[in-house]
């Protein structure tokens, strides 16, 4: 896991519901593995965005969606 991934993991886990932390970790680990293998796709990113929302504290959903949207815009340039 690279530094950016570690920061993102920490960011998400701080905002996850306590009973969903392990599921969020597993989802992120799978994505990081695909990124390392070079097999992470736009569809994977879309599915991640849909799934991760269900693990977040309700009051953190909009914040995380805004960050993911900003990241997607920056990484598509």
C-alpha atoms as a PDB file:
ATOM      1  CA  UNK A   1       0.000   0.000   0.000  1.00  0.00           C
ATOM      2  CA  UNK A   2       1.406   3.374  -0.956  1.00  0.00           C
ATOM      3  CA  UNK A   3       1.205   6.544   1.130  1.00  0.00           C
ATOM      4  CA  UNK A   4      -1.790   7.924  -0.764  1.00  0.00           C
ATOM      5  CA  UNK A   5      -3.678   4.673  -0.279  1.00  0.00           C
ATOM      6  CA  UNK A   6      -2.844   4.643   3.437  1.00  0.00           C
ATOM      7  CA  UNK A   7      -4.158   8.198   3.817  1.00  0.00           C
ATOM      8  CA  UNK A   8      -7.342   7.333   1.893  1.00  0.00           C
ATOM      9  CA  UNK A   9      -7.839   4.205   4.009  1.00  0.00           C
ATOM     10  CA  UNK A  10      -7.511   6.242   7.202  1.00  0.00           C
ATOM     11  CA  UNK A  11      -9.835   8.923   5.854  1.00  0.00           C
ATOM     12  CA  UNK A  12     -12.564   6.413   4.991  1.00  0.00           C
ATOM     13  CA  UNK A  13     -12.217   4.395   8.188  1.00  0.00           C
ATOM     14  CA  UNK A  14     -12.543   7.532  10.329  1.00  0.00           C
ATOM     15  CA  UNK A  15     -15.883   8.166   8.629  1.00  0.00           C
ATOM     16  CA  UNK A  16     -17.168   4.588   8.582  1.00  0.00           C
ATOM     17  CA  UNK A  17     -19.841   3.290  10.903  1.00  0.00           C
ATOM     18  CA  UNK A  18     -18.194   1.352  13.737  1.00  0.00           C
ATOM     19  CA  UNK A  19     -19.839  -1.919  12.710  1.00  0.00           C
ATOM     20  CA  UNK A  20     -18.818  -1.442   9.057  1.00  0.00           C
ATOM     21  CA  UNK A  21     -15.083  -0.739   9.506  1.00  0.00           C
ATOM     22  CA  UNK A  22     -13.971  -4.286   8.638  1.00  0.00           C
ATOM     23  CA  UNK A  23     -16.163  -4.368   5.515  1.00  0.00           C
ATOM     24  CA  UNK A  24     -14.770  -1.005   4.414  1.00  0.00           C
ATOM     25  CA  UNK A  25     -11.204  -2.263   4.970  1.00  0.00           C
ATOM     26  CA  UNK A  26     -11.901  -5.360   2.868  1.00  0.00           C
ATOM     27  CA  UNK A  27     -13.433  -3.311   0.056  1.00  0.00           C
ATOM     28  CA  UNK A  28     -10.469  -0.937   0.019  1.00  0.00           C
ATOM     29  CA  UNK A  29      -7.952  -3.800   0.178  1.00  0.00           C
ATOM     30  CA  UNK A  30      -9.521  -5.359  -2.906  1.00  0.00           C
ATOM     31  CA  UNK A  31      -9.356  -2.076  -4.783  1.00  0.00           C
ATOM     32  CA  UNK A  32      -5.746  -1.449  -3.764  1.00  0.00           C
ATOM     33  CA  UNK A  33      -4.806  -4.958  -4.939  1.00  0.00           C
ATOM     34  CA  UNK A  34      -6.413  -4.318  -8.333  1.00  0.00           C
ATOM     35  CA  UNK A  35      -4.618  -0.953  -8.567  1.00  0.00           C
ATOM     36  CA  UNK A  36      -1.279  -2.652  -7.818  1.00  0.00           C
ATOM     37  CA  UNK A  37      -1.995  -5.284 -10.483  1.00  0.00           C
ATOM     38  CA  UNK A  38      -3.072  -2.640 -12.987  1.00  0.00           C
ATOM     39  CA  UNK A  39      -6.546  -4.159 -13.324  1.00  0.00           C
ATOM     40  CA  UNK A  40      -8.585  -1.453 -11.532  1.00  0.00           C
ATOM     41  CA  UNK A  41     -11.210  -0.138 -13.961  1.00  0.00           C
ATOM     42  CA  UNK A  42     -13.643   2.758 -14.138  1.00  0.00           C
ATOM     43  CA  UNK A  43     -16.397   0.241 -13.377  1.00  0.00           C
ATOM     44  CA  UNK A  44     -14.508  -0.820 -10.237  1.00  0.00           C
ATOM     45  CA  UNK A  45     -14.368   2.826  -9.176  1.00  0.00           C
ATOM     46  CA  UNK A  46     -18.094   3.218  -9.802  1.00  0.00           C
ATOM     47  CA  UNK A  47     -18.943   0.099  -7.795  1.00  0.00           C
ATOM     48  CA  UNK A  48     -16.653   1.231  -4.972  1.00  0.00           C
ATOM     49  CA  UNK A  49     -18.425   4.599  -4.787  1.00  0.00           C
ATOM     50  CA  UNK A  50     -21.799   2.853  -4.535  1.00  0.00           C
ATOM     51  CA  UNK A  51     -20.707   0.310  -1.904  1.00  0.00           C
ATOM     52  CA  UNK A  52     -18.607   2.560   0.328  1.00  0.00           C
ATOM     53  CA  UNK A  53     -21.526   4.910   0.909  1.00  0.00           C
ATOM     54  CA  UNK A  54     -23.386   2.105   2.693  1.00  0.00           C
ATOM     55  CA  UNK A  55     -20.506   1.787   5.190  1.00  0.00           C
ATOM     56  CA  UNK A  56     -20.284   5.479   6.087  1.00  0.00           C
ATOM     57  CA  UNK A  57     -21.808   7.387   8.958  1.00  0.00           C
ATOM     58  CA  UNK A  58     -24.846   9.154   7.465  1.00  0.00           C
ATOM     59  CA  UNK A  59     -23.515  12.609   8.313  1.00  0.00           C
ATOM     60  CA  UNK A  60     -20.260  11.879   6.408  1.00  0.00           C
ATOM     61  CA  UNK A  61     -21.772  10.691   3.104  1.00  0.00           C
ATOM     62  CA  UNK A  62     -21.879  14.086   1.350  1.00  0.00           C
ATOM     63  CA  UNK A  63     -18.337  14.944   2.449  1.00  0.00           C
ATOM     64  CA  UNK A  64     -16.902  11.671   1.151  1.00  0.00           C
ATOM     65  CA  UNK A  65     -18.863  11.892  -2.116  1.00  0.00           C
ATOM     66  CA  UNK A  66     -17.448  15.389  -2.701  1.00  0.00           C
ATOM     67  CA  UNK A  67     -13.899  14.177  -2.059  1.00  0.00           C
ATOM     68  CA  UNK A  68     -14.328  11.187  -4.389  1.00  0.00           C
ATOM     69  CA  UNK A  69     -15.793  13.417  -7.101  1.00  0.00           C
ATOM     70  CA  UNK A  70     -12.863  15.835  -6.787  1.00  0.00           C
ATOM     71  CA  UNK A  71     -10.391  12.933  -6.905  1.00  0.00           C
ATOM     72  CA  UNK A  72     -12.062  11.482 -10.013  1.00  0.00           C
ATOM     73  CA  UNK A  73     -11.879  14.841 -11.778  1.00  0.00           C
ATOM     74  CA  UNK A  74      -8.214  15.290 -10.881  1.00  0.00           C
ATOM     75  CA  UNK A  75      -7.224  11.757 -11.901  1.00  0.00           C
ATOM     76  CA  UNK A  76      -8.951  11.995 -15.288  1.00  0.00           C
ATOM     77  CA  UNK A  77      -6.690  14.819 -16.487  1.00  0.00           C
END
